Protein backbone atom coordinates (compact mmCIF):
# COMPACT_ATOMS: atom_id res chain seq x y z
CA PHE A 1 -31.43 -6.18 84.48
CA ALA A 2 -30.19 -6.86 81.36
CA ARG A 3 -28.32 -3.42 81.57
CA SER A 4 -27.02 -3.91 84.96
CA LEU A 5 -25.94 -7.51 83.89
CA CYS A 6 -23.65 -5.99 81.24
CA ILE A 7 -22.25 -3.60 83.21
CA LEU A 8 -21.17 -6.38 85.85
CA SER A 9 -19.41 -8.20 82.93
CA ALA A 10 -17.28 -5.50 81.83
CA THR A 11 -15.45 -5.62 85.16
CA LEU A 12 -14.34 -9.18 83.70
CA LEU A 13 -13.15 -8.56 79.82
CA HIS A 14 -9.97 -7.16 79.22
CA ALA A 15 -7.84 -6.70 76.24
CA THR A 16 -4.01 -6.20 75.18
CA GLY A 17 -1.87 -7.22 72.37
CA SER A 18 1.43 -7.31 71.17
CA PHE A 19 2.39 -6.70 67.25
CA LEU A 20 4.27 -10.32 66.10
CA PHE A 21 7.15 -8.30 65.06
CA TYR A 22 10.96 -7.73 67.37
CA GLU A 23 10.50 -4.67 69.53
CA THR A 24 12.27 -3.30 72.54
CA ALA A 25 11.42 -3.31 76.03
CA ARG A 26 10.76 0.41 75.82
CA GLU A 27 9.05 0.04 72.51
CA MET A 28 6.82 -2.37 73.96
CA ALA A 29 5.81 -0.89 76.88
CA GLU A 30 5.27 2.69 74.52
CA ARG A 31 3.25 0.92 72.53
CA ARG A 32 1.06 -0.58 75.38
CA LEU A 33 0.51 2.64 77.37
CA SER A 34 -0.74 4.11 73.76
CA ARG A 35 -3.32 1.72 72.67
CA ILE A 36 -7.01 2.65 72.88
CA SER A 37 -8.92 -0.44 73.07
CA HIS A 38 -12.19 0.65 74.30
CA ALA A 39 -14.34 3.43 73.56
CA GLY A 40 -14.35 4.89 77.22
CA GLY A 41 -14.05 4.85 80.73
CA THR A 42 -17.39 4.39 82.08
CA PRO A 43 -18.67 0.84 82.61
CA LEU A 44 -21.12 1.54 79.73
CA LEU A 45 -18.54 2.60 77.27
CA HIS A 46 -16.12 0.22 78.56
CA LEU A 47 -18.33 -2.53 76.85
CA PHE A 48 -17.48 -0.97 73.55
CA LYS A 49 -14.15 -3.03 73.11
CA ASP A 50 -12.18 -2.72 69.67
CA GLY A 51 -13.23 -5.85 67.90
CA SER A 52 -15.98 -7.30 69.82
CA ILE A 53 -19.40 -8.31 68.67
CA VAL A 54 -22.42 -6.30 70.01
CA VAL A 55 -25.98 -5.97 69.40
CA LEU A 56 -27.62 -2.33 70.27
CA TRP A 57 -31.26 -2.47 71.64
CA SER A 58 -33.49 0.57 70.89
CA LYS A 59 -35.20 2.34 73.30
CA ALA A 60 -37.75 3.68 71.39
CA SER A 61 -38.53 0.34 69.41
CA GLY A 62 -37.82 -2.50 71.80
CA LYS A 63 -35.96 -4.36 69.57
CA SER A 64 -32.43 -3.98 68.22
CA LEU A 65 -30.50 -1.98 65.29
CA ARG A 66 -29.84 -4.17 62.17
CA VAL A 67 -28.54 -3.71 58.59
CA ARG A 68 -31.38 -5.20 55.92
CA ASP A 69 -30.49 -5.14 52.41
CA GLY A 70 -28.49 -1.69 53.11
CA ASN A 71 -31.06 -0.27 55.23
CA VAL A 72 -31.12 0.52 59.31
CA GLU A 73 -34.17 -0.46 60.76
CA GLY A 74 -34.82 -1.07 64.38
CA HIS A 75 -37.00 -4.53 63.86
CA GLY A 76 -33.93 -6.93 64.90
CA GLN A 77 -33.33 -9.40 67.69
CA THR A 78 -30.01 -11.11 68.13
CA GLY A 79 -29.26 -12.62 64.39
CA LYS A 80 -26.20 -11.84 62.53
CA LEU A 81 -28.39 -8.77 60.88
CA ALA A 82 -28.47 -7.47 64.04
CA GLN A 83 -24.57 -8.03 64.89
CA PHE A 84 -21.43 -5.52 64.93
CA TYR A 85 -17.97 -5.65 65.10
CA VAL A 86 -16.84 -2.83 66.74
CA HIS A 87 -13.72 -0.64 65.33
CA VAL A 88 -12.49 2.00 67.91
CA ARG A 89 -11.11 4.83 65.96
CA SER A 90 -10.35 6.86 69.30
CA ASN A 91 -10.94 7.50 72.21
CA GLY A 92 -14.76 8.10 72.62
CA VAL A 93 -15.12 7.23 68.60
CA VAL A 94 -16.35 4.21 67.51
CA ALA A 95 -17.63 2.60 63.52
CA PHE A 96 -19.86 -0.49 63.54
CA GLN A 97 -19.40 -3.11 60.76
CA ASN A 98 -22.30 -5.38 60.40
CA VAL A 99 -21.51 -9.18 60.86
CA ALA A 100 -23.93 -10.53 58.56
CA ASP A 101 -22.22 -8.74 55.82
CA PRO A 102 -18.59 -7.57 57.13
CA THR A 103 -18.83 -5.00 53.59
CA ARG A 104 -21.88 -3.01 55.38
CA TRP A 105 -20.99 -0.24 57.82
CA VAL A 106 -23.29 2.02 59.41
CA ARG A 107 -23.05 5.30 58.27
CA ILE A 108 -24.24 8.98 58.38
CA TYR A 109 -24.32 10.18 54.95
CA GLU A 110 -26.35 13.73 53.67
CA GLU A 111 -28.63 13.88 56.18
CA ASP A 112 -29.73 9.69 55.74
CA LEU A 113 -28.99 6.75 58.19
CA ASN A 114 -28.06 3.86 56.02
CA GLY A 115 -26.04 0.35 55.77
CA HIS A 116 -23.91 1.54 53.02
CA GLY A 117 -20.61 2.55 54.56
CA SER A 118 -17.25 1.33 53.71
CA GLY A 119 -15.41 1.99 56.65
CA GLY A 120 -14.75 5.48 56.00
CA PRO A 121 -15.23 8.77 57.90
CA PHE A 122 -18.68 9.09 57.65
CA CYS A 123 -18.88 5.59 59.54
CA ASP A 124 -17.36 7.29 62.71
CA PHE A 125 -19.67 8.31 65.47
CA LYS A 126 -19.14 10.09 68.90
CA ILE A 127 -20.25 7.53 71.50
CA GLU A 128 -21.94 8.86 74.93
CA GLU A 129 -23.60 8.05 77.76
CA HIS A 130 -27.58 9.44 78.62
CA ASN A 131 -29.19 8.58 81.52
CA GLY A 132 -27.87 4.89 81.36
CA TYR A 133 -28.57 4.15 77.40
CA VAL A 134 -25.67 5.52 74.73
CA VAL A 135 -26.07 7.62 72.40
CA PHE A 136 -24.00 7.65 68.63
CA GLU A 137 -23.38 11.34 67.20
CA SER A 138 -21.75 11.51 63.54
CA VAL A 139 -18.61 12.90 63.78
CA ARG A 140 -18.48 13.81 60.18
CA HIS A 141 -22.00 15.49 60.76
CA PRO A 142 -22.07 17.03 64.31
CA GLY A 143 -25.72 17.48 65.76
CA GLN A 144 -26.67 14.21 63.88
CA HIS A 145 -27.51 11.34 65.21
CA VAL A 146 -28.37 7.60 64.96
CA GLY A 147 -32.05 7.07 65.95
CA ILE A 148 -34.98 4.77 65.45
CA LYS A 149 -38.62 5.44 65.69
CA PRO A 150 -41.16 3.42 68.02
CA ASP A 151 -42.18 1.58 64.87
CA GLY A 152 -39.05 0.38 64.03
CA SER A 153 -37.50 2.67 61.27
CA ALA A 154 -34.81 4.50 60.75
CA LYS A 155 -35.47 8.70 61.87
CA PRO A 156 -33.72 10.94 59.71
CA PRO A 157 -30.59 11.88 61.57
CA ASN A 158 -30.73 15.57 61.71
CA HIS A 159 -33.74 15.26 63.17
CA THR A 160 -32.72 13.16 65.75
CA GLY A 161 -31.09 14.51 68.91
CA THR A 162 -30.16 12.68 72.30
CA GLY A 163 -33.77 11.64 73.55
CA ASP A 164 -35.39 8.35 73.51
CA HIS A 165 -35.23 7.67 69.44
CA ALA A 166 -31.55 7.84 70.06
CA ARG A 167 -31.00 5.71 72.92
CA PHE A 168 -29.80 2.42 73.16
CA THR A 169 -28.54 -0.32 75.51
CA PRO A 170 -25.41 -2.61 74.15
CA GLN A 171 -25.29 -6.20 74.76
CA VAL A 172 -21.85 -7.73 73.90
CA LEU A 173 -22.07 -11.39 72.23
CA ASP A 174 -18.58 -11.91 71.59
CA GLU A 175 -15.52 -10.20 72.84
CA LYS A 176 -12.74 -10.64 70.03
CA HIS A 177 -8.53 -9.85 70.13
CA GLU A 178 -7.47 -11.46 66.98
CA LEU A 179 -6.06 -14.06 69.10
CA ILE A 180 -3.98 -17.09 67.56
CA VAL A 181 -6.17 -19.69 68.64
CA PRO A 182 -6.88 -23.50 67.41
CA GLY A 183 -10.44 -22.82 67.01
CA THR A 184 -13.84 -20.68 68.36
CA SER A 185 -14.86 -22.84 71.05
CA ALA A 186 -14.77 -21.32 74.63
CA LEU A 187 -12.21 -24.01 75.99
CA GLN A 188 -10.40 -23.81 72.43
CA THR A 189 -9.84 -20.00 72.64
CA GLN A 190 -7.72 -20.64 76.02
CA LEU A 191 -4.97 -22.31 73.91
CA ALA A 192 -4.19 -19.12 72.12
CA HIS A 193 -0.72 -19.21 70.74
CA GLY A 194 2.34 -18.19 73.51
CA ASN A 195 -0.41 -18.78 76.37
CA ILE A 196 1.11 -20.90 79.24
CA VAL A 197 -1.17 -23.17 80.24
CA VAL A 198 -1.64 -25.67 82.94
CA LEU A 199 -3.60 -29.24 81.70
CA LYS A 200 -6.38 -30.80 84.41
CA SER A 201 -6.51 -34.39 83.88
CA LYS A 202 -10.29 -35.09 84.71
CA SER A 203 -9.21 -38.54 85.99
CA ALA A 204 -6.43 -37.47 88.08
CA ARG A 205 -4.13 -34.46 88.64
CA SER A 206 -2.31 -31.80 86.11
CA LEU A 207 -0.27 -33.36 83.22
CA ARG A 208 3.49 -32.96 83.37
CA ILE A 209 7.05 -33.99 81.99
CA ASN A 210 8.52 -34.85 84.83
CA ALA A 211 12.24 -34.26 85.49
CA ASP A 212 12.98 -37.96 83.88
CA GLY A 213 11.27 -36.99 80.75
CA VAL A 214 8.38 -38.82 81.74
CA VAL A 215 4.83 -38.22 80.85
CA GLU A 216 2.52 -38.38 83.81
CA GLY A 217 -0.68 -37.13 85.91
CA HIS A 218 1.16 -36.00 89.04
CA GLY A 219 1.51 -32.22 88.60
CA GLU A 220 -0.17 -29.18 90.60
CA GLU A 221 1.09 -25.54 88.51
CA GLY A 222 4.67 -25.68 89.11
CA ARG A 223 6.83 -25.32 85.93
CA TYR A 224 6.91 -29.52 85.16
CA ALA A 225 3.04 -29.09 84.46
CA GLN A 226 3.26 -25.77 82.49
CA PHE A 227 3.14 -25.81 78.69
CA VAL A 228 4.03 -23.19 75.78
CA VAL A 229 1.07 -23.27 73.75
CA HIS A 230 2.09 -23.59 69.45
CA VAL A 231 -1.06 -23.10 67.25
CA ARG A 232 0.04 -25.06 64.20
CA GLY A 233 -3.29 -24.55 62.51
CA ASP A 234 -6.91 -25.08 62.97
CA SER A 235 -7.74 -27.22 65.65
CA ARG A 236 -3.84 -28.08 65.88
CA VAL A 237 -1.37 -27.39 68.67
CA SER A 238 1.84 -28.64 69.98
CA LEU A 239 2.68 -28.15 73.65
CA GLN A 240 6.32 -27.20 74.73
CA ASN A 241 7.40 -27.52 78.54
CA VAL A 242 7.88 -24.47 80.64
CA ASN A 243 10.40 -26.09 82.77
CA ASP A 244 13.04 -27.63 79.99
CA PRO A 245 11.91 -25.63 76.42
CA ASN A 246 13.70 -28.84 74.84
CA ARG A 247 11.16 -31.27 75.67
CA TRP A 248 7.63 -31.25 73.92
CA LEU A 249 4.75 -33.50 74.64
CA LYS A 250 4.86 -36.50 71.63
CA ILE A 251 2.83 -39.42 70.55
CA LYS A 252 5.46 -41.82 68.49
CA GLY A 253 5.36 -45.36 68.67
CA ASN A 254 2.15 -46.00 70.66
CA GLN A 255 3.86 -43.72 73.38
CA LEU A 256 2.96 -41.06 75.06
CA LEU A 257 6.45 -39.07 75.68
CA GLY A 258 7.86 -35.85 76.82
CA THR A 259 11.21 -35.98 74.29
CA GLY A 260 9.56 -34.20 71.24
CA GLN A 261 11.59 -31.34 69.63
CA GLY A 262 8.53 -29.51 68.27
CA GLY A 263 8.25 -31.96 65.17
CA LYS A 264 5.06 -33.41 63.65
CA TYR A 265 4.98 -36.03 66.33
CA THR A 266 4.54 -32.95 68.64
CA GLU A 267 0.78 -31.82 66.75
CA PHE A 268 -2.13 -32.48 67.83
CA LYS A 269 -5.87 -32.12 67.01
CA VAL A 270 -7.79 -30.22 69.48
CA GLU A 271 -11.73 -31.06 70.39
CA GLU A 272 -13.68 -30.59 72.84
CA HIS A 273 -15.92 -33.13 74.34
CA ASP A 274 -18.59 -32.80 77.28
CA GLY A 275 -16.67 -29.36 78.28
CA TYR A 276 -13.54 -30.61 78.27
CA LEU A 277 -10.28 -30.88 75.74
CA VAL A 278 -9.18 -34.24 73.70
CA PHE A 279 -5.96 -33.96 72.03
CA GLU A 280 -5.35 -36.70 69.38
CA SER A 281 -2.34 -37.37 67.35
CA VAL A 282 -1.94 -35.87 63.79
CA VAL A 283 0.19 -38.07 62.72
CA TYR A 284 -1.60 -41.20 64.04
CA PRO A 285 -5.45 -40.28 64.08
CA GLY A 286 -7.34 -42.43 66.85
CA GLN A 287 -4.64 -42.25 69.58
CA HIS A 288 -4.67 -39.56 72.46
CA VAL A 289 -3.47 -38.30 75.10
CA GLY A 290 -4.28 -40.13 78.37
CA ILE A 291 -4.19 -40.49 81.78
CA ARG A 292 -5.15 -42.84 84.17
CA PRO A 293 -6.68 -42.25 87.41
CA ASN A 294 -3.49 -43.24 89.41
CA GLY A 295 -1.80 -40.71 87.45
CA GLU A 296 0.34 -42.55 85.06
CA GLY A 297 0.57 -42.03 81.43
CA LYS A 298 -1.89 -44.36 79.36
CA PRO A 299 -0.84 -45.73 76.14
CA PRO A 300 -1.91 -43.42 72.99
CA ASN A 301 -3.67 -46.53 71.38
CA GLN A 302 -4.87 -47.59 74.34
CA THR A 303 -6.85 -44.42 74.92
CA GLY A 304 -10.03 -43.04 73.12
CA THR A 305 -12.27 -39.92 74.06
CA GLY A 306 -13.30 -40.86 77.88
CA ASP A 307 -12.14 -39.54 80.80
CA HIS A 308 -9.00 -40.58 80.82
CA ALA A 309 -8.15 -38.13 78.03
CA ARG A 310 -10.38 -35.31 78.76
CA PHE A 311 -8.43 -32.52 80.03
CA THR A 312 -9.40 -28.91 81.34
CA PRO A 313 -7.34 -26.17 80.55
CA LYS A 314 -5.97 -22.84 83.06
CA VAL A 315 -4.07 -20.36 81.43
CA LEU A 316 -1.70 -19.14 83.64
CA LYS A 317 -0.17 -16.35 81.37
CA GLU A 318 -1.92 -14.72 78.11
CA GLN A 319 -0.18 -13.58 75.17
CA PRO A 320 -2.38 -12.37 72.45
CA GLU A 321 -0.67 -11.43 69.21
CA TYR A 322 -1.38 -9.33 66.40
CA ASN A 323 0.03 -8.93 62.56
CA ARG A 324 -1.36 -5.51 61.19
CA ALA A 325 0.13 -2.96 59.09
CA GLY A 326 -0.38 -0.35 62.28
CA ASN A 327 -3.22 -0.20 65.31
CA SER A 328 -5.38 2.69 63.91
CA THR A 329 -8.79 1.23 62.69
CA LEU A 330 -7.80 1.66 59.15
CA LEU A 331 -4.26 0.16 59.55
CA ARG A 332 -5.72 -2.55 61.34
CA THR A 333 -7.81 -3.47 58.31
CA LEU A 334 -4.68 -4.36 56.18
CA THR A 335 -3.84 -7.58 57.77
CA HIS A 336 -1.29 -9.92 56.15
CA GLY A 337 -2.76 -12.17 53.33
CA SER A 338 -6.18 -10.25 53.06
CA LYS A 339 -7.79 -9.22 50.42
CA VAL A 340 -8.20 -5.27 50.19
CA VAL A 341 -9.76 -3.02 47.03
CA PHE A 342 -8.77 0.56 47.80
CA PHE A 343 -11.43 3.27 46.74
CA ALA A 344 -9.76 6.40 45.33
CA LYS A 345 -10.94 9.84 47.40
CA SER A 346 -10.02 12.05 43.94
CA ARG A 347 -12.78 10.01 42.18
CA ASN A 348 -15.35 10.10 45.00
CA CYS A 349 -14.61 6.58 46.30
CA GLN A 350 -16.52 5.16 43.76
CA HIS A 351 -13.25 4.12 41.63
CA SER A 352 -10.41 2.32 42.69
CA LEU A 353 -7.16 1.87 42.26
CA ARG A 354 -6.02 -1.48 39.84
CA ILE A 355 -4.13 -3.04 37.03
CA LYS A 356 -5.23 -4.01 33.85
CA ASP A 357 -2.59 -4.46 30.89
CA GLY A 358 0.31 -4.11 33.35
CA GLN A 359 -0.74 -0.24 34.02
CA VAL A 360 -1.74 1.23 37.23
CA GLU A 361 -5.21 3.20 37.12
CA GLY A 362 -7.83 4.54 38.81
CA TYR A 363 -10.90 2.79 37.18
CA GLY A 364 -11.36 -0.09 39.31
CA VAL A 365 -14.43 -0.98 41.45
CA GLU A 366 -14.37 -4.70 42.92
CA GLY A 367 -12.78 -6.97 40.62
CA GLU A 368 -9.62 -8.75 40.58
CA TYR A 369 -8.12 -6.32 38.44
CA ALA A 370 -8.63 -3.82 41.63
CA GLN A 371 -7.68 -6.14 44.39
CA PHE A 372 -4.93 -6.62 45.77
CA THR A 373 -3.14 -9.17 48.63
CA VAL A 374 -1.64 -7.28 51.29
CA HIS A 375 1.98 -8.66 52.04
CA VAL A 376 3.04 -6.78 55.73
CA ARG A 377 6.53 -6.48 55.79
CA CYS A 378 6.88 -4.65 59.12
CA PRO A 379 4.78 -2.49 61.41
CA GLY A 380 3.92 0.25 59.24
CA VAL A 381 5.37 -1.13 55.70
CA ILE A 382 3.11 -3.19 53.24
CA SER A 383 3.46 -4.35 49.33
CA LEU A 384 0.68 -4.60 47.41
CA GLN A 385 0.02 -7.71 45.03
CA ASN A 386 -2.53 -7.81 41.82
CA VAL A 387 -5.10 -10.56 42.81
CA SER A 388 -5.31 -10.57 38.62
CA ASN A 389 -1.29 -10.92 38.20
CA PRO A 390 0.33 -12.12 41.11
CA ARG A 391 3.17 -11.31 39.54
CA HIS A 392 2.63 -7.57 39.23
CA TRP A 393 2.99 -5.13 42.18
CA ILE A 394 2.22 -1.61 42.91
CA ARG A 395 5.70 0.11 42.42
CA PRO A 396 5.72 3.83 42.50
CA ALA A 397 9.30 5.30 41.26
CA ASN A 398 9.76 8.93 40.48
CA ASP A 399 7.79 10.23 37.47
CA LYS A 400 5.80 6.68 37.17
CA LEU A 401 3.47 4.56 38.75
CA GLY A 402 4.23 1.41 37.75
CA VAL A 403 4.20 -2.11 38.41
CA GLY A 404 7.09 -4.08 40.14
CA GLY A 405 7.80 -8.10 40.72
CA GLY A 406 7.59 -7.97 44.69
CA GLY A 407 11.29 -6.43 45.26
CA LYS A 408 12.10 -3.64 47.88
CA LYS A 409 10.71 -0.71 45.49
CA THR A 410 6.97 -2.15 45.85
CA GLU A 411 7.35 -1.51 49.76
CA LEU A 412 5.05 1.23 50.86
CA ARG A 413 4.88 3.30 54.37
CA VAL A 414 1.08 3.58 55.32
CA HIS A 415 0.00 6.34 56.77
CA GLU A 416 -3.61 7.82 57.77
CA ARG A 417 -4.82 10.74 57.17
CA ASP A 418 -8.33 11.94 58.25
CA GLY A 419 -9.71 9.41 58.22
CA TYR A 420 -7.98 8.20 54.73
CA LEU A 421 -4.84 5.87 54.07
CA VAL A 422 -1.78 7.59 52.44
CA LEU A 423 0.64 4.97 50.40
CA GLU A 424 4.23 6.21 50.41
CA SER A 425 7.00 4.75 48.77
CA ARG A 426 9.46 3.37 51.10
CA VAL A 427 12.36 3.57 49.22
CA PHE A 428 11.86 6.84 47.51
CA PRO A 429 10.50 9.11 50.70
CA GLY A 430 7.85 11.65 49.90
CA GLN A 431 6.79 10.20 46.67
CA HIS A 432 3.02 8.49 46.74
CA VAL A 433 0.99 6.57 45.26
CA GLY A 434 -1.73 8.62 43.40
CA ILE A 435 -4.76 8.78 41.39
CA LEU A 436 -6.02 12.02 39.66
CA PRO A 437 -10.20 12.62 39.13
CA ASN A 438 -9.83 11.76 35.37
CA GLY A 439 -8.97 8.20 36.67
CA SER A 440 -5.35 8.09 35.34
CA ALA A 441 -2.42 7.58 37.72
CA LYS A 442 -0.03 10.68 39.30
CA PRO A 443 3.34 10.81 38.81
CA PRO A 444 4.75 9.73 42.44
CA ASN A 445 7.13 12.58 42.87
CA GLN A 446 4.32 15.14 42.11
CA THR A 447 2.10 13.35 44.32
CA GLY A 448 1.68 14.62 48.58
CA THR A 449 -0.56 13.66 50.71
CA GLY A 450 -3.83 15.55 49.37
CA ASP A 451 -6.84 14.26 47.91
CA HIS A 452 -5.35 12.54 44.85
CA ALA A 453 -3.23 10.25 47.44
CA ARG A 454 -5.96 9.40 49.42
CA PHE A 455 -7.56 6.17 49.95
CA CYS A 456 -10.81 4.43 51.36
CA PRO A 457 -9.62 0.70 51.69
CA LYS A 458 -12.22 -2.26 51.92
CA VAL A 459 -11.58 -6.04 52.93
CA ILE A 460 -12.84 -8.28 50.35
CA GLN A 461 -11.52 -11.45 51.92
CA PRO A 462 -9.73 -11.79 55.47
CA SER A 463 -6.29 -13.01 56.07
CA PRO A 464 -6.84 -16.82 55.73
CA TYR A 465 -3.34 -16.47 58.07
CA ARG A 466 -3.35 -17.34 61.95
CA THR A 467 0.53 -16.89 62.83
CA PHE A 468 3.44 -14.69 61.11
CA ILE A 469 6.72 -14.96 62.97
CA ALA A 470 8.26 -18.11 63.45
CA GLY A 471 8.87 -18.23 67.49
CA ARG A 472 9.54 -16.52 70.43
CA GLY A 473 12.97 -16.76 71.08
CA ARG A 474 15.23 -13.78 70.08
CA LEU A 475 16.23 -15.39 66.67
CA GLN A 476 13.53 -16.80 65.70
CA ARG A 477 11.67 -13.29 65.98
CA LEU A 478 14.03 -12.08 62.69
CA PHE A 479 12.02 -14.79 60.98
CA VAL A 480 9.03 -12.54 59.88
CA GLU A 481 6.42 -13.09 57.46
CA GLY A 482 7.55 -11.54 54.01
CA ALA A 483 10.52 -10.48 55.43
CA THR A 484 14.21 -11.25 53.42
CA ILE A 485 16.80 -12.71 55.15
CA ILE A 486 20.42 -14.00 54.97
CA LEU A 487 21.63 -17.34 56.51
CA ARG A 488 25.71 -17.00 57.36
CA SER A 489 26.89 -20.22 57.99
CA ARG A 490 29.22 -20.72 60.89
CA ALA A 491 30.73 -23.79 59.37
CA SER A 492 31.93 -21.80 56.04
CA GLY A 493 31.61 -18.08 57.33
CA LYS A 494 29.79 -17.47 54.30
CA SER A 495 26.25 -17.18 53.07
CA LEU A 496 23.48 -20.01 52.40
CA ARG A 497 22.90 -19.72 48.58
CA ILE A 498 21.02 -21.10 45.45
CA ARG A 499 22.80 -20.82 42.33
CA ASP A 500 21.94 -22.78 39.31
CA GLY A 501 19.72 -24.92 41.05
CA THR A 502 22.65 -25.91 43.82
CA VAL A 503 22.15 -24.96 47.47
CA GLU A 504 25.84 -24.05 48.77
CA GLY A 505 27.80 -21.79 51.49
CA ASN A 506 29.58 -19.67 49.73
CA GLY A 507 27.27 -16.57 49.42
CA GLY A 508 27.54 -13.14 49.87
CA GLU A 509 24.58 -10.56 50.19
CA GLY A 510 23.43 -10.74 46.93
CA ARG A 511 20.11 -12.06 45.89
CA LEU A 512 21.01 -15.55 45.05
CA ALA A 513 21.62 -15.60 49.12
CA GLN A 514 18.58 -13.91 50.17
CA PHE A 515 15.34 -15.54 51.15
CA ILE A 516 11.71 -14.04 51.39
CA VAL A 517 10.13 -16.21 54.82
CA TRP A 518 7.05 -17.67 54.24
CA VAL A 519 5.60 -18.42 57.99
CA ARG A 520 3.65 -21.91 58.01
CA GLY A 521 3.20 -21.93 61.54
CA PRO A 522 4.95 -21.11 64.93
CA GLY A 523 8.20 -22.44 64.75
CA LEU A 524 7.67 -23.07 61.08
CA VAL A 525 8.72 -21.56 57.48
CA GLY A 526 9.41 -21.79 54.10
CA LEU A 527 12.48 -19.95 52.56
CA MET A 528 11.64 -18.85 48.85
CA ASN A 529 15.00 -17.78 47.03
CA ARG A 530 14.72 -13.71 46.01
CA GLY A 531 17.25 -14.49 42.88
CA ASN A 532 15.05 -17.01 41.50
CA ASN A 533 11.21 -17.30 43.06
CA ASP A 534 10.60 -20.66 41.32
CA HIS A 535 13.41 -21.98 43.93
CA TRP A 536 12.59 -22.43 47.30
CA LEU A 537 15.31 -24.56 50.08
CA ALA A 538 13.84 -27.95 50.39
CA LEU A 539 15.50 -31.28 51.56
CA LYS A 540 14.76 -34.05 48.92
CA ASN A 541 15.37 -37.56 48.69
CA ASN A 542 18.32 -37.02 51.46
CA GLY A 543 19.59 -34.39 49.84
CA LEU A 544 19.66 -30.12 50.09
CA THR A 545 18.20 -29.16 46.97
CA HIS A 546 16.11 -26.53 45.46
CA GLY A 547 12.14 -26.97 45.47
CA GLN A 548 8.94 -25.58 44.26
CA GLY A 549 6.60 -24.31 47.03
CA LEU A 550 6.63 -25.66 50.58
CA THR A 551 5.94 -29.54 49.73
CA HIS A 552 9.68 -30.46 50.83
CA GLY A 553 10.85 -26.72 51.90
CA GLY A 554 9.11 -26.40 55.20
CA PHE A 555 11.94 -26.59 58.04
CA ILE A 556 11.41 -26.10 61.90
CA VAL A 557 13.56 -23.02 63.21
CA LYS A 558 15.55 -24.00 66.57
CA GLU A 559 17.63 -21.85 68.46
CA VAL A 560 21.22 -23.32 69.12
CA ASP A 561 23.44 -21.67 71.09
CA GLY A 562 22.98 -18.50 69.69
CA HIS A 563 22.47 -19.56 66.07
CA VAL A 564 19.47 -21.34 64.05
CA ALA A 565 19.12 -24.41 63.03
CA LEU A 566 17.09 -25.50 60.37
CA GLU A 567 15.29 -29.03 60.48
CA SER A 568 12.65 -30.42 58.17
CA GLN A 569 9.26 -30.72 58.98
CA VAL A 570 9.08 -34.13 56.74
CA HIS A 571 11.85 -35.67 58.01
CA ASP A 572 12.73 -36.09 61.47
CA GLY A 573 16.10 -35.33 62.40
CA GLN A 574 17.46 -34.14 59.04
CA HIS A 575 19.10 -30.48 58.79
CA VAL A 576 19.75 -28.34 56.31
CA GLY A 577 23.91 -28.76 56.59
CA ILE A 578 27.00 -26.69 55.28
CA LEU A 579 30.77 -28.10 55.40
CA PRO A 580 33.73 -25.82 56.15
CA ASP A 581 34.57 -25.63 52.26
CA GLY A 582 30.92 -24.28 51.60
CA THR A 583 29.32 -27.90 49.76
CA ALA A 584 26.10 -28.89 51.00
CA LYS A 585 26.44 -31.76 53.74
CA LYS A 586 23.78 -34.62 53.65
CA PRO A 587 20.72 -33.82 55.89
CA GLU A 588 20.86 -36.85 57.48
CA ASN A 589 24.59 -36.89 58.68
CA THR A 590 23.53 -33.05 59.89
CA GLY A 591 22.54 -32.30 63.21
CA THR A 592 22.60 -29.25 65.33
CA GLY A 593 26.29 -28.88 65.69
CA GLN A 594 28.41 -26.03 63.50
CA HIS A 595 27.74 -27.67 60.33
CA GLY A 596 23.77 -26.86 60.56
CA GLN A 597 24.05 -23.86 62.33
CA TYR A 598 23.22 -20.29 61.00
CA THR A 599 23.51 -16.54 62.35
CA PRO A 600 20.25 -15.14 60.72
CA ILE A 601 20.44 -11.31 59.10
CA LEU A 602 17.68 -9.40 58.30
CA LEU A 603 17.87 -7.14 55.58
CA ASN A 604 14.04 -5.50 55.98
């Protein structure tokens, strides 16, 4: 019965995805057609969806496969030791990463079944269906299978065929699509970033913003009642009206309004109460979105978490998104902001790439010298920033594998070769990051794609970020996390720049006019000057100036008449402005007209 229920549930599960980077419709169609998201075409194999969490019940022991202290055994139930993330390598090939300890993967190595894998080729299994069960055969060692004896102990893979000891029934606990969501409850996951939803009021009909901009509860499922979800962070969202994208739901001055522009007053904390969602103002804690039984909006300061504040979401259109270096299983581990160790194949994957005393070498293990923060520049291109010293980035250049400061020469194209990663210089094609068997760095111009250039990645800390482009508009998509951008002023005809600490509009395309994008949330960015990384574009004390970090340097990116405008996140209605003579305009006097409009130019 349990297996039949799982098979039935498979028809209800689906997975789609799109990169958080600008692409043509044709590229998107080709990528979606080529994407492999499950292990095979039968109902049972369809349960093994990429990213889902499964439990594998052994036919022989009657209990589930689990990894405990690095040992694989068949004494589990449904706890985290027995839960595994599914990684679909290709059609019919999967790998299993333990949920309790993500550094442990099931593998078959030298006729031994164990949990000491790190996601490399020994962790890949060909999955087949036998008489209503699944069987896992090692890809690296054909004929060797995952097996559990009736007493729950692991069976030697070379003595395990496809009989009862090798047979398992999968149970899907969670299907995970790497959605950008405000929370983990079933209702919160429906508010994935970019989804179009209708909010059904418990006390009336659907929430809507009518033609006059009034918020009420007389909607059905038309455009006035549809909202685009913008995830701001954990448990926080903003809701943009589909009928009029210039209208966002907001709470301000004890009023529930439909005249928001995407600023701080439109942010709501989302909580679940008795099977319903409740939306609390972030700026005014204790004030909630509420609809009376007669359909009228209720004053937020009179609305608690009772029936008037409770809503059921209905998803009309889903938009799951990704931000990884690529779509293969290995490339998917390189998410922006994650901390990763790269074990060198030339060192038998026992020692890793590291930067110590400014030198790149292959003597690392898993300490901070060997950990790198991943910066995804665009699909297939990353930079690696050392965790021990953030000023040091991996930089291959001609005869020396050295360190850089985060510029173009630190950009690496990532390729997958026979289950390993290869890192190629983007600026110097054909030159690769390489480590010799003795642990010393190999000159990039002498390094091809063989064993010296191959690495096994191990994720030490997952990415803390949830969103990676500023928005879905054609121009907003150019604001990619980590990208370098120039902002050409419509008023002066020249570029915004920071020179000697002064913001002006007389720049060209040099480093003073280049800004590195830091995406803080949907529609929200910080801009770090490339000429001086201590200088960030900021609005402070009613002036356009430079700051340090994101305290006063958060901007809402809006599209206006084919240009972008940058509004302060902290100071509502204040914009970055440049006068025709190139001097900075006071932010409080700058709206979204020509003085506040820019043409973004993406450099990388």
